[in-house]
């Protein structure tokens, strides 16, 4: 178990994950049971919003969509920046789209919601009072973020231009994969899946959450009304399963090798 918030200040590092849903209370119940999260109110600029806590430390955010908004329900990573306004301009300049912001989230910080040229949605966070996820390496904490897209070459250059990542590519004829490094440390990845990209989701970011037992957590997901989309299996990062919560937000649970 490690303190995480201080290293999330590095530009380009995923520093927070947030989910917008229609049923805030029922979603809190789901994740509270699955991950042991407790909740307290957060900034309300975009509507009702709660921060998830473990041991009193902030882990993630869950907000409520207006009843007339029927947007895809998905976990969204926020990437750190020291100047969200300049980052928003860069996103537009390099072919991305700024959908929300820049705007202040009270005293917590300043944010943007955007999409890359392939349509994958992500957030940008300029920290003030709220640095971001404050704990890592234990059950219920974000472990990794991976962009699933059609091909890595174009979109990888977009993120590299915006955040200054160093890019490490897997050299393989049948595997299109980049690891993004910030300040010399791997922080996220880009996986090009070609025609295997889900038509109903398109390009998207996938959040991985650490769990103590992948098989047991997948069982809990199903018991709570969620869905196991890809059963537990051994992966390069540990034992993983792809699941969805009752509103359809897809995420991966992983037990990293100890």
Protein backbone atom coordinates (compact mmCIF):
# COMPACT_ATOMS: atom_id res chain seq x y z
CA UNK A 1 0.00 0.00 0.00
CA UNK A 2 1.59 3.29 -1.05
CA UNK A 3 0.80 6.99 -1.00
CA UNK A 4 0.13 8.01 -4.59
CA UNK A 5 -0.99 11.62 -4.87
CA UNK A 6 2.42 13.29 -4.88
CA UNK A 7 3.69 11.39 -7.92
CA UNK A 8 0.46 12.09 -9.81
CA UNK A 9 1.64 15.69 -10.24
CA UNK A 10 3.89 14.51 -13.12
CA UNK A 11 2.41 15.90 -16.38
CA UNK A 12 0.68 13.12 -18.31
CA UNK A 13 0.40 10.74 -15.36
CA UNK A 14 -3.12 9.37 -14.78
CA UNK A 15 -4.04 11.08 -11.51
CA UNK A 16 -7.77 10.32 -11.06
CA UNK A 17 -10.59 8.20 -12.45
CA UNK A 18 -14.21 9.28 -12.57
CA UNK A 19 -17.53 7.70 -13.53
CA UNK A 20 -20.80 9.42 -14.46
CA UNK A 21 -23.95 7.31 -13.94
CA UNK A 22 -27.73 7.63 -13.72
CA UNK A 23 -28.15 5.87 -10.37
CA UNK A 24 -25.63 7.40 -7.99
CA UNK A 25 -26.79 5.65 -4.83
CA UNK A 26 -27.02 2.16 -6.36
CA UNK A 27 -23.63 2.59 -8.05
CA UNK A 28 -22.08 3.58 -4.74
CA UNK A 29 -23.55 0.43 -3.19
CA UNK A 30 -22.02 -1.70 -5.96
CA UNK A 31 -18.51 -0.31 -5.68
CA UNK A 32 -18.71 0.01 -1.91
CA UNK A 33 -19.34 -3.72 -1.64
CA UNK A 34 -16.86 -4.71 -4.37
CA UNK A 35 -13.94 -2.50 -3.33
CA UNK A 36 -14.75 -1.46 0.23
CA UNK A 37 -15.13 2.19 -0.76
CA UNK A 38 -16.83 4.76 1.44
CA UNK A 39 -18.09 8.05 0.01
CA UNK A 40 -18.23 11.74 0.80
CA UNK A 41 -19.51 14.68 -1.29
CA UNK A 42 -17.17 16.25 -3.83
CA UNK A 43 -17.40 19.33 -6.08
CA UNK A 44 -20.89 19.79 -7.54
CA UNK A 45 -20.09 21.95 -10.60
CA UNK A 46 -21.27 19.21 -12.99
CA UNK A 47 -24.05 17.94 -10.73
CA UNK A 48 -24.17 15.54 -7.74
CA UNK A 49 -20.71 14.02 -7.24
CA UNK A 50 -19.09 11.87 -4.57
CA UNK A 51 -15.51 10.90 -3.88
CA UNK A 52 -14.72 7.28 -3.03
CA UNK A 53 -12.44 6.71 -0.04
CA UNK A 54 -10.30 3.88 1.31
CA UNK A 55 -8.92 4.34 4.82
CA UNK A 56 -10.00 7.97 4.54
CA UNK A 57 -7.93 8.55 1.38
CA UNK A 58 -9.49 9.62 -1.92
CA UNK A 59 -9.49 6.96 -4.64
CA UNK A 60 -11.98 7.86 -7.41
CA UNK A 61 -15.09 9.89 -8.17
CA UNK A 62 -18.66 8.99 -9.12
CA UNK A 63 -21.12 11.60 -10.38
CA UNK A 64 -24.76 11.60 -11.47
CA UNK A 65 -25.82 12.38 -15.02
CA UNK A 66 -28.86 14.57 -15.61
CA UNK A 67 -31.93 12.49 -16.42
CA UNK A 68 -32.07 13.79 -19.98
CA UNK A 69 -28.41 12.98 -20.76
CA UNK A 70 -27.92 9.54 -22.28
CA UNK A 71 -24.16 9.35 -22.57
CA UNK A 72 -22.02 6.20 -22.56
CA UNK A 73 -21.40 5.03 -18.99
CA UNK A 74 -17.63 4.62 -18.72
CA UNK A 75 -14.71 5.12 -16.36
CA UNK A 76 -12.68 8.14 -17.47
CA UNK A 77 -9.02 8.67 -16.53
CA UNK A 78 -7.76 12.18 -15.80
CA UNK A 79 -4.22 13.01 -16.91
CA UNK A 80 -2.23 15.52 -14.91
CA UNK A 81 -1.17 18.90 -16.25
CA UNK A 82 0.36 22.03 -14.78
CA UNK A 83 -1.71 24.28 -17.08
CA UNK A 84 -5.09 22.93 -18.15
CA UNK A 85 -5.86 25.91 -20.39
CA UNK A 86 -2.68 25.45 -22.41
CA UNK A 87 -3.33 21.69 -22.59
CA UNK A 88 -6.85 22.33 -23.90
CA UNK A 89 -5.45 24.52 -26.67
CA UNK A 90 -2.92 21.81 -27.54
CA UNK A 91 -5.66 19.17 -27.69
CA UNK A 92 -7.54 21.27 -30.25
CA UNK A 93 -4.35 22.01 -32.21
CA UNK A 94 -3.47 18.34 -32.59
CA UNK A 95 -6.92 17.16 -33.73
CA UNK A 96 -8.65 16.35 -30.46
CA UNK A 97 -11.93 17.78 -29.17
CA UNK A 98 -12.57 19.67 -25.93
CA UNK A 99 -16.09 18.84 -24.77
CA UNK A 100 -16.17 20.42 -21.30
CA UNK A 101 -14.07 23.20 -19.83
CA UNK A 102 -11.62 24.39 -18.93
CA UNK A 103 -13.55 25.01 -15.72
CA UNK A 104 -12.88 25.24 -12.00
CA UNK A 105 -13.98 22.45 -9.67
CA UNK A 106 -14.27 24.63 -6.60
CA UNK A 107 -10.96 24.80 -4.74
CA UNK A 108 -10.04 21.28 -5.84
CA UNK A 109 -8.51 22.19 -9.18
CA UNK A 110 -9.29 22.90 -12.80
CA UNK A 111 -10.41 20.38 -15.41
CA UNK A 112 -11.15 19.60 -19.04
CA UNK A 113 -13.04 16.70 -20.59
CA UNK A 114 -11.80 15.91 -24.08
CA UNK A 115 -11.52 13.21 -26.72
CA UNK A 116 -8.56 12.20 -28.85
CA UNK A 117 -8.69 12.08 -32.69
CA UNK A 118 -10.01 8.50 -32.54
CA UNK A 119 -12.84 9.48 -30.18
CA UNK A 120 -11.55 8.11 -26.87
CA UNK A 121 -12.69 10.29 -23.95
CA UNK A 122 -10.25 11.40 -21.26
CA UNK A 123 -9.97 14.13 -18.66
CA UNK A 124 -7.21 16.60 -17.85
CA UNK A 125 -6.63 17.75 -14.28
CA UNK A 126 -4.70 20.74 -12.94
CA UNK A 127 -4.43 20.08 -9.23
CA UNK A 128 -5.00 22.67 -6.52
CA UNK A 129 -6.35 21.38 -3.19
CA UNK A 130 -7.13 17.97 -4.69
CA UNK A 131 -4.03 16.20 -5.99
CA UNK A 132 -5.81 13.05 -7.17
CA UNK A 133 -5.87 9.41 -6.18
CA UNK A 134 -4.12 9.20 -2.82
CA UNK A 135 -3.48 5.47 -2.47
CA UNK A 136 -2.13 2.70 -4.69
CA UNK A 137 -1.18 -0.95 -4.51
CA UNK A 138 -4.09 -2.26 -2.44
CA UNK A 139 -7.55 -3.74 -3.08
CA UNK A 140 -9.85 -1.21 -4.74
CA UNK A 141 -7.23 1.22 -6.06
CA UNK A 142 -6.56 2.08 -9.71
CA UNK A 143 -3.65 -0.01 -10.96
CA UNK A 144 -3.26 0.97 -14.62
CA UNK A 145 -4.92 2.74 -17.54
CA UNK A 146 -4.85 1.46 -21.11
CA UNK A 147 -6.15 3.11 -24.26
CA UNK A 148 -7.84 0.59 -26.55
CA UNK A 149 -7.89 1.95 -30.09
CA UNK A 150 -7.67 0.85 -33.72
CA UNK A 151 -3.98 1.60 -34.23
CA UNK A 152 -1.29 3.18 -32.08
CA UNK A 153 0.81 5.20 -34.54
CA UNK A 154 -1.43 8.24 -35.03
CA UNK A 155 -3.05 8.40 -31.61
CA UNK A 156 0.26 7.72 -29.88
CA UNK A 157 1.74 10.81 -31.55
CA UNK A 158 -1.27 12.84 -30.34
CA UNK A 159 -0.71 11.98 -26.68
CA UNK A 160 3.04 12.35 -27.05
CA UNK A 161 2.58 15.86 -28.45
CA UNK A 162 0.14 16.88 -25.70
CA UNK A 163 1.90 15.44 -22.66
CA UNK A 164 5.50 14.89 -23.75
CA UNK A 165 5.49 11.15 -23.14
CA UNK A 166 8.47 8.99 -23.95
CA UNK A 167 7.06 6.10 -26.00
CA UNK A 168 8.21 2.49 -25.87
CA UNK A 169 6.82 0.32 -28.67
CA UNK A 170 6.48 -3.45 -28.77
CA UNK A 171 8.14 -4.55 -32.00
CA UNK A 172 5.90 -7.32 -33.32
CA UNK A 173 4.17 -8.10 -36.59
CA UNK A 174 0.93 -9.08 -34.84
CA UNK A 175 0.89 -6.98 -31.67
CA UNK A 176 0.40 -3.19 -31.80
CA UNK A 177 1.27 -1.84 -28.36
CA UNK A 178 2.89 1.24 -26.83
CA UNK A 179 3.88 2.00 -23.26
CA UNK A 180 3.75 5.69 -22.31
CA UNK A 181 6.42 6.95 -19.92
CA UNK A 182 6.31 10.20 -17.95
CA UNK A 183 9.39 11.39 -16.08
CA UNK A 184 11.04 8.04 -16.85
CA UNK A 185 8.21 5.96 -15.36
CA UNK A 186 5.62 3.85 -17.22
CA UNK A 187 2.20 5.42 -16.58
CA UNK A 188 -0.19 4.09 -19.24
CA UNK A 189 -0.37 2.07 -22.44
CA UNK A 190 -1.94 2.16 -25.89
CA UNK A 191 -3.21 -1.08 -27.44
CA UNK A 192 -4.08 -1.13 -31.13
CA UNK A 193 -6.62 -3.88 -31.79
CA UNK A 194 -7.54 -3.15 -35.42
CA UNK A 195 -10.90 -4.53 -36.48
CA UNK A 196 -11.37 -6.11 -33.04
CA UNK A 197 -12.26 -2.67 -31.66
CA UNK A 198 -15.78 -3.01 -30.20
CA UNK A 199 -18.28 -1.29 -32.49
CA UNK A 200 -20.55 -0.37 -29.60
CA UNK A 201 -17.74 1.38 -27.70
CA UNK A 202 -15.19 2.55 -30.25
CA UNK A 203 -11.81 3.76 -29.00
CA UNK A 204 -11.83 3.99 -25.20
CA UNK A 205 -9.70 4.10 -22.09
CA UNK A 206 -9.80 1.05 -19.82
CA UNK A 207 -9.16 1.39 -16.08
CA UNK A 208 -7.61 -1.51 -14.17
CA UNK A 209 -8.41 -1.84 -10.45
CA UNK A 210 -6.26 -3.84 -8.04
CA UNK A 211 -8.01 -6.69 -6.20
CA UNK A 212 -6.87 -9.25 -3.67
CA UNK A 213 -8.45 -12.17 -5.55
CA UNK A 214 -9.54 -11.82 -9.18
CA UNK A 215 -11.77 -14.90 -9.18
CA UNK A 216 -13.55 -13.97 -5.97
CA UNK A 217 -14.03 -10.35 -7.10
CA UNK A 218 -15.47 -11.46 -10.45
CA UNK A 219 -17.95 -13.60 -8.53
CA UNK A 220 -18.94 -10.59 -6.41
CA UNK A 221 -19.46 -8.49 -9.55
CA UNK A 222 -21.96 -11.05 -10.86
CA UNK A 223 -23.71 -11.36 -7.49
CA UNK A 224 -24.19 -7.59 -7.36
CA UNK A 225 -25.88 -7.41 -10.75
CA UNK A 226 -22.81 -6.68 -12.88
CA UNK A 227 -21.44 -8.79 -15.72
CA UNK A 228 -18.27 -10.80 -16.25
CA UNK A 229 -17.33 -10.06 -19.87
CA UNK A 230 -14.01 -11.94 -19.92
CA UNK A 231 -13.56 -14.53 -17.16
CA UNK A 232 -10.47 -14.55 -14.93
CA UNK A 233 -7.31 -15.51 -16.80
CA UNK A 234 -3.56 -15.10 -16.53
CA UNK A 235 -2.23 -11.98 -18.27
CA UNK A 236 1.08 -10.20 -18.55
CA UNK A 237 0.17 -7.96 -15.60
CA UNK A 238 -1.25 -10.70 -13.38
CA UNK A 239 -4.56 -12.51 -13.10
CA UNK A 240 -7.19 -10.36 -14.82
CA UNK A 241 -10.89 -10.30 -15.62
CA UNK A 242 -12.92 -7.80 -17.64
CA UNK A 243 -16.22 -6.91 -15.99
CA UNK A 244 -19.01 -4.33 -16.13
CA UNK A 245 -21.04 -2.71 -13.38
CA UNK A 246 -24.88 -2.79 -13.44
CA UNK A 247 -25.04 0.38 -15.59
CA UNK A 248 -22.56 -1.05 -18.10
CA UNK A 249 -19.30 0.70 -17.18
CA UNK A 250 -16.54 -1.70 -18.24
CA UNK A 251 -13.35 -2.08 -16.21
CA UNK A 252 -10.65 -4.66 -15.56
CA UNK A 253 -9.80 -6.19 -12.20
CA UNK A 254 -6.28 -7.46 -11.70
CA UNK A 255 -4.33 -9.22 -9.01
CA UNK A 256 -0.75 -8.25 -9.68
CA UNK A 257 2.01 -10.82 -9.08
CA UNK A 258 3.33 -10.47 -5.55
